[in-house]
Amino acid sequence: MNLTPVAFVLPLVFACNVALAQQLKSDLPYVENGHERHVLDIYTPEESTDKKLPVMFWIHGGGWQVGDKSDVALKPKALTERGFIFVSTNYRLLPEASMAELVGDVATSLGWVYKNISLYGGDPQRIFVGGHSAGAQLAALLCTDDRYLKKEGVSFSVLKGCIPVDGDTYDIPKIIMTAEHRQTLYGGKMFSFGHRQKFGNNPEKHVDFSAVTHVAKGKNIPPFLLLYFPGNPNTRVQAKRLESVLRAAQVPTRAYGKGDSNHSRLNNDLGKPDDPATQEFYKFLDPLVGSTQ
């Protein structure tokens, strides 16, 4: 596998009309001779440093059926300017892959990052995991169910924080029950999210793919920041549900709801200096970054 692709500068132009730049290494394969979606992008600060930088590993959303690693909005710019390496990964999607294969892809990608990120200036001992929507469910699951990362030779000890953004599937049986109850009350398909089908038509799988199932004391689960849009009752209830389970297991956790937003804007606005969720994001990250230098 080629671990030294040609790097180029990615120009980014924002509303302030100031052109900024960062280094992007694009479409790096994390599985040798794998699927076309077994690739990731690595964003690094434009100015190099001798220090190994903390890593943000990001998982895109899209209902496990669509989406792409390029769906990162302002986050690479904001975090590389803050001294991070930013990694965004693709993974196979439903229905081509099963949910178990999909989760396994993300774990394999993170395992590749752990083994190789030092070649790109990152610190493999300081990895943060985040994701939006479906990616929030995947991030929360990887950071609570240690079986996936153990298979890749990664310990929870290297995970310094988890930031799921507006997920509604941390407790899958609960969201299925809620959606199907609404469908019974109101009829039609508008309240049917298809989660029963997406996670396998087997109640045991619904439980197993739920982050709340795997939370326990003494597992070295990293601290959590759960960002959500309070105008959506599903993501609000699910964030509070996971927050309560994590706190009961003595895992440092904060759930923050940002009003005057929506499911997409909450994610896309992360990185704006005047954004309240961004300020919570930085307040969470800064004390946890530490240093191994």
Protein backbone atom coordinates (compact mmCIF):
# COMPACT_ATOMS: atom_id res chain seq x y z
CA MET A 1 0.00 0.00 0.00
CA ASN A 2 1.28 3.47 -0.85
CA LEU A 3 1.42 5.51 2.34
CA THR A 4 3.05 8.60 0.81
CA PRO A 5 0.66 10.07 -1.76
CA VAL A 6 1.34 13.44 -3.30
CA ALA A 7 0.04 16.23 -1.10
CA PHE A 8 -1.49 19.43 -2.38
CA VAL A 9 -2.84 22.60 -0.88
CA LEU A 10 -6.60 22.84 -0.66
CA PRO A 11 -7.81 26.44 -0.90
CA LEU A 12 -10.94 27.27 1.05
CA VAL A 13 -12.90 30.48 0.57
CA PHE A 14 -15.56 31.47 3.09
CA ALA A 15 -18.07 34.25 3.55
CA CYS A 16 -15.40 36.53 4.96
CA ASN A 17 -13.73 36.38 1.50
CA VAL A 18 -10.43 35.41 3.05
CA ALA A 19 -8.69 32.55 1.25
CA LEU A 20 -7.18 30.04 3.63
CA ALA A 21 -5.25 26.88 2.91
CA GLN A 22 -4.52 23.52 4.44
CA GLN A 23 -2.78 20.40 3.25
CA LEU A 24 -5.06 17.61 2.01
CA LYS A 25 -4.01 14.03 1.32
CA SER A 26 -7.04 12.61 -0.44
CA ASP A 27 -8.40 9.11 -1.08
CA LEU A 28 -5.88 7.18 0.98
CA PRO A 29 -6.83 3.48 1.01
CA TYR A 30 -7.25 1.97 4.46
CA VAL A 31 -7.87 -1.52 3.08
CA GLU A 32 -5.36 -2.91 0.60
CA ASN A 33 -7.14 -3.77 -2.67
CA GLY A 34 -10.42 -2.97 -0.96
CA HIS A 35 -13.74 -1.46 -2.00
CA GLU A 36 -13.77 1.96 -3.69
CA ARG A 37 -15.20 3.43 -0.47
CA HIS A 38 -12.36 2.05 1.67
CA VAL A 39 -10.62 5.43 1.53
CA LEU A 40 -10.07 8.42 3.80
CA ASP A 41 -8.84 12.01 3.63
CA ILE A 42 -6.24 13.58 5.91
CA TYR A 43 -6.14 17.34 6.46
CA THR A 44 -3.03 18.80 8.09
CA PRO A 45 -2.06 22.36 9.04
CA GLU A 46 -0.35 24.28 6.27
CA GLU A 47 2.61 25.02 8.50
CA SER A 48 4.51 21.95 9.63
CA THR A 49 5.64 21.32 13.19
CA ASP A 50 7.94 18.88 14.90
CA LYS A 51 5.24 18.05 17.46
CA LYS A 52 2.82 15.21 16.93
CA LEU A 53 -0.66 16.69 16.76
CA PRO A 54 -3.94 15.36 18.18
CA VAL A 55 -6.23 13.71 15.66
CA MET A 56 -9.94 14.22 14.97
CA PHE A 57 -11.41 11.17 13.24
CA TRP A 58 -14.72 12.13 11.60
CA ILE A 59 -17.58 9.91 10.36
CA HIS A 60 -20.05 11.41 7.90
CA GLY A 61 -23.81 11.02 8.08
CA GLY A 62 -26.39 10.09 5.48
CA GLY A 63 -28.66 7.50 7.04
CA TRP A 64 -26.04 4.76 6.48
CA GLN A 65 -27.15 4.82 2.81
CA VAL A 66 -25.61 7.96 1.32
CA GLY A 67 -22.96 10.55 2.21
CA ASP A 68 -19.28 11.13 1.62
CA LYS A 69 -16.09 11.96 3.50
CA SER A 70 -16.09 15.37 1.78
CA ASP A 71 -19.17 16.37 3.82
CA VAL A 72 -17.08 18.14 6.46
CA ALA A 73 -18.00 21.83 6.03
CA LEU A 74 -15.78 24.07 8.19
CA LYS A 75 -14.37 21.42 10.50
CA PRO A 76 -11.03 20.71 8.76
CA LYS A 77 -10.21 24.43 8.57
CA ALA A 78 -11.24 25.12 12.15
CA LEU A 79 -9.45 22.15 13.65
CA THR A 80 -6.21 22.30 11.65
CA GLU A 81 -5.95 25.97 12.63
CA ARG A 82 -6.39 24.79 16.21
CA GLY A 83 -3.48 22.36 15.89
CA PHE A 84 -5.27 19.14 14.96
CA ILE A 85 -4.92 16.59 12.21
CA PHE A 86 -8.40 16.05 10.74
CA VAL A 87 -9.31 12.69 9.20
CA SER A 88 -12.57 12.05 7.36
CA THR A 89 -13.44 8.52 6.32
CA ASN A 90 -15.71 6.80 3.84
CA TYR A 91 -17.26 3.40 4.49
CA ARG A 92 -19.47 1.01 2.57
CA LEU A 93 -23.18 1.79 2.66
CA LEU A 94 -26.50 0.01 3.01
CA PRO A 95 -27.85 -2.01 1.31
CA GLU A 96 -24.62 -3.15 -0.40
CA ALA A 97 -23.00 -3.82 2.97
CA SER A 98 -24.63 -5.06 6.15
CA MET A 99 -24.69 -2.87 9.23
CA ALA A 100 -22.05 -5.08 10.86
CA GLU A 101 -19.77 -4.70 7.81
CA LEU A 102 -20.37 -0.96 7.78
CA VAL A 103 -19.37 -0.60 11.45
CA GLY A 104 -16.40 -2.85 10.80
CA ASP A 105 -15.27 -0.58 7.96
CA VAL A 106 -15.20 2.46 10.24
CA ALA A 107 -13.28 0.51 12.89
CA THR A 108 -10.79 -0.66 10.26
CA SER A 109 -10.35 2.92 9.10
CA LEU A 110 -9.67 4.09 12.64
CA GLY A 111 -7.26 1.19 13.07
CA TRP A 112 -5.39 2.32 9.96
CA VAL A 113 -5.22 5.84 11.37
CA TYR A 114 -3.83 4.55 14.66
CA LYS A 115 -1.10 2.60 12.84
CA ASN A 116 -0.20 5.23 10.23
CA ILE A 117 -1.14 8.74 11.35
CA SER A 118 2.34 9.43 12.76
CA LEU A 119 3.55 9.49 9.12
CA TYR A 120 1.35 12.55 8.62
CA GLY A 121 2.24 14.37 11.83
CA GLY A 122 -0.50 12.95 14.02
CA ASP A 123 -0.27 11.50 17.51
CA PRO A 124 -1.79 7.98 17.62
CA GLN A 125 -2.13 8.28 21.40
CA ARG A 126 -4.51 11.26 21.13
CA ILE A 127 -7.44 10.41 18.91
CA PHE A 128 -10.87 12.02 19.12
CA VAL A 129 -13.85 10.42 17.37
CA GLY A 130 -16.79 12.42 16.04
CA GLY A 131 -19.62 12.09 13.58
CA HIS A 132 -22.94 13.55 12.46
CA SER A 133 -26.34 11.83 12.30
CA ALA A 134 -25.67 8.23 11.24
CA GLY A 135 -22.02 9.03 11.87
CA ALA A 136 -22.96 10.01 15.42
CA GLN A 137 -24.36 6.53 16.03
CA LEU A 138 -21.19 4.98 14.60
CA ALA A 139 -18.93 7.24 16.67
CA ALA A 140 -20.83 6.49 19.88
CA LEU A 141 -20.81 2.75 19.20
CA LEU A 142 -17.06 2.63 18.46
CA CYS A 143 -16.38 4.53 21.69
CA THR A 144 -18.53 2.27 23.90
CA ASP A 145 -18.36 -1.22 22.34
CA ASP A 146 -14.65 -2.03 22.48
CA ARG A 147 -14.93 -5.24 20.43
CA TYR A 148 -14.61 -3.39 17.12
CA LEU A 149 -11.41 -1.52 17.95
CA LYS A 150 -9.85 -4.43 19.83
CA LYS A 151 -10.09 -6.39 16.59
CA GLU A 152 -7.99 -3.65 14.98
CA GLY A 153 -5.44 -3.58 17.80
CA VAL A 154 -6.67 -0.25 19.19
CA SER A 155 -7.25 0.33 22.89
CA PHE A 156 -9.78 2.75 24.32
CA SER A 157 -6.83 4.35 26.12
CA VAL A 158 -5.88 6.24 22.94
CA LEU A 159 -9.38 7.72 22.57
CA LYS A 160 -9.43 11.10 24.30
CA GLY A 161 -12.99 12.14 23.52
CA CYS A 162 -16.14 11.34 21.54
CA ILE A 163 -18.37 13.97 19.89
CA PRO A 164 -21.59 12.56 18.38
CA VAL A 165 -23.64 15.28 16.66
CA ASP A 166 -27.45 15.01 16.49
CA GLY A 167 -27.79 11.24 16.37
CA ASP A 168 -31.14 9.56 16.99
CA THR A 169 -29.98 5.96 17.34
CA TYR A 170 -27.95 5.59 20.53
CA ASP A 171 -30.82 3.44 21.85
CA ILE A 172 -32.22 1.76 18.73
CA PRO A 173 -35.09 -0.21 20.32
CA LYS A 174 -36.34 3.02 21.86
CA ILE A 175 -36.34 4.97 18.57
CA ILE A 176 -37.99 2.06 16.74
CA MET A 177 -40.71 1.90 19.38
CA THR A 178 -41.22 5.67 19.19
CA ALA A 179 -41.41 5.73 15.38
CA GLU A 180 -43.76 2.76 15.13
CA HIS A 181 -45.99 4.13 17.88
CA ARG A 182 -46.36 7.36 15.91
CA GLN A 183 -47.09 5.39 12.77
CA THR A 184 -49.85 3.51 14.60
CA LEU A 185 -51.33 6.76 15.91
CA TYR A 186 -51.17 8.77 12.73
CA GLY A 187 -50.97 6.19 9.95
CA GLY A 188 -48.95 6.38 6.77
CA LYS A 189 -45.21 6.08 6.33
CA MET A 190 -44.11 9.58 7.24
CA PHE A 191 -43.10 8.48 10.75
CA SER A 192 -41.45 5.22 9.72
CA PHE A 193 -37.69 5.78 9.72
CA GLY A 194 -36.88 2.25 8.53
CA HIS A 195 -34.51 1.65 11.45
CA ARG A 196 -35.90 -1.83 11.98
CA GLN A 197 -34.80 -2.76 8.47
CA LYS A 198 -31.52 -0.85 8.49
CA PHE A 199 -30.27 -2.49 11.67
CA GLY A 200 -31.55 -5.95 10.76
CA ASN A 201 -35.01 -7.31 11.49
CA ASN A 202 -33.79 -8.90 14.70
CA PRO A 203 -34.34 -7.30 18.12
CA GLU A 204 -31.03 -8.64 19.40
CA LYS A 205 -29.20 -6.73 16.68
CA HIS A 206 -31.04 -3.56 17.60
CA VAL A 207 -29.78 -3.90 21.14
CA ASP A 208 -26.25 -4.78 20.05
CA PHE A 209 -25.90 -1.80 17.70
CA SER A 210 -27.02 0.60 20.47
CA ALA A 211 -24.27 2.49 22.28
CA VAL A 212 -26.29 2.49 25.53
CA THR A 213 -26.01 -1.31 25.64
CA HIS A 214 -22.24 -1.28 25.99
CA VAL A 215 -21.68 1.48 28.52
CA ALA A 216 -20.16 0.19 31.75
CA LYS A 217 -17.78 1.34 34.45
CA GLY A 218 -14.12 0.47 34.12
CA LYS A 219 -14.01 0.15 30.32
CA ASN A 220 -11.94 3.32 29.83
CA ILE A 221 -14.73 4.83 27.74
CA PRO A 222 -13.60 8.35 26.71
CA PRO A 223 -15.41 11.54 27.75
CA PHE A 224 -18.43 12.45 25.62
CA LEU A 225 -19.85 15.70 24.26
CA LEU A 226 -23.30 15.07 22.80
CA LEU A 227 -24.44 17.92 20.57
CA TYR A 228 -28.09 17.99 19.50
CA PHE A 229 -30.82 20.21 18.10
CA PRO A 230 -33.53 20.51 20.77
CA GLY A 231 -36.22 21.21 18.17
CA ASN A 232 -36.01 17.57 17.12
CA PRO A 233 -37.54 15.46 19.91
CA ASN A 234 -35.83 12.30 18.68
CA THR A 235 -32.27 13.58 18.82
CA ARG A 236 -32.95 15.45 22.07
CA VAL A 237 -34.35 12.38 23.82
CA GLN A 238 -31.61 10.11 22.47
CA ALA A 239 -28.85 12.50 23.55
CA LYS A 240 -30.31 12.73 27.04
CA ARG A 241 -30.71 8.95 27.17
CA LEU A 242 -27.06 8.30 26.32
CA GLU A 243 -25.94 11.11 28.62
CA SER A 244 -27.73 9.53 31.58
CA VAL A 245 -26.30 6.07 30.89
CA LEU A 246 -22.76 7.43 30.53
CA ARG A 247 -23.02 9.49 33.70
CA ALA A 248 -24.31 6.48 35.61
CA ALA A 249 -21.12 4.70 34.53
CA GLN A 250 -19.08 7.68 35.74
CA VAL A 251 -18.00 8.67 32.23
CA PRO A 252 -17.53 12.47 31.98
CA THR A 253 -20.37 13.57 29.71
CA ARG A 254 -22.15 16.73 28.62
CA ALA A 255 -25.18 16.98 26.34
CA TYR A 256 -25.63 20.41 24.77
CA GLY A 257 -28.66 21.45 22.76
CA LYS A 258 -28.29 24.34 20.33
CA GLY A 259 -31.53 26.13 19.48
CA ASP A 260 -32.10 28.32 16.40
CA SER A 261 -30.63 25.62 14.20
CA ASN A 262 -31.58 22.34 12.53
CA HIS A 263 -30.14 18.89 11.91
CA SER A 264 -27.83 20.00 9.07
CA ARG A 265 -26.89 23.48 10.28
CA LEU A 266 -25.83 22.22 13.70
CA ASN A 267 -23.16 20.14 11.97
CA ASN A 268 -22.25 22.60 9.22
CA ASP A 269 -21.84 25.54 11.60
CA LEU A 270 -19.23 23.77 13.73
CA GLY A 271 -16.12 25.88 13.35
CA LYS A 272 -17.80 29.30 13.22
CA PRO A 273 -16.26 31.43 16.00
CA ASP A 274 -19.59 32.90 17.14
CA ASP A 275 -21.44 29.58 17.09
CA PRO A 276 -22.50 28.42 20.58
CA ALA A 277 -22.07 24.73 19.73
CA THR A 278 -18.55 25.47 18.44
CA GLN A 279 -17.71 27.16 21.71
CA GLU A 280 -18.92 24.08 23.60
CA PHE A 281 -16.90 21.92 21.18
CA TYR A 282 -13.69 23.81 21.98
CA LYS A 283 -14.38 23.88 25.72
CA PHE A 284 -14.67 20.09 25.54
CA LEU A 285 -11.57 19.54 23.41
CA ASP A 286 -9.07 21.93 24.97
CA PRO A 287 -8.66 20.30 28.41
CA LEU A 288 -8.49 16.83 26.85
CA VAL A 289 -5.80 17.49 24.24
CA GLY A 290 -2.92 17.45 26.71
CA SER A 291 0.50 16.67 25.33
CA THR A 292 2.80 13.71 24.89
CA GLN A 293 5.75 15.83 23.81
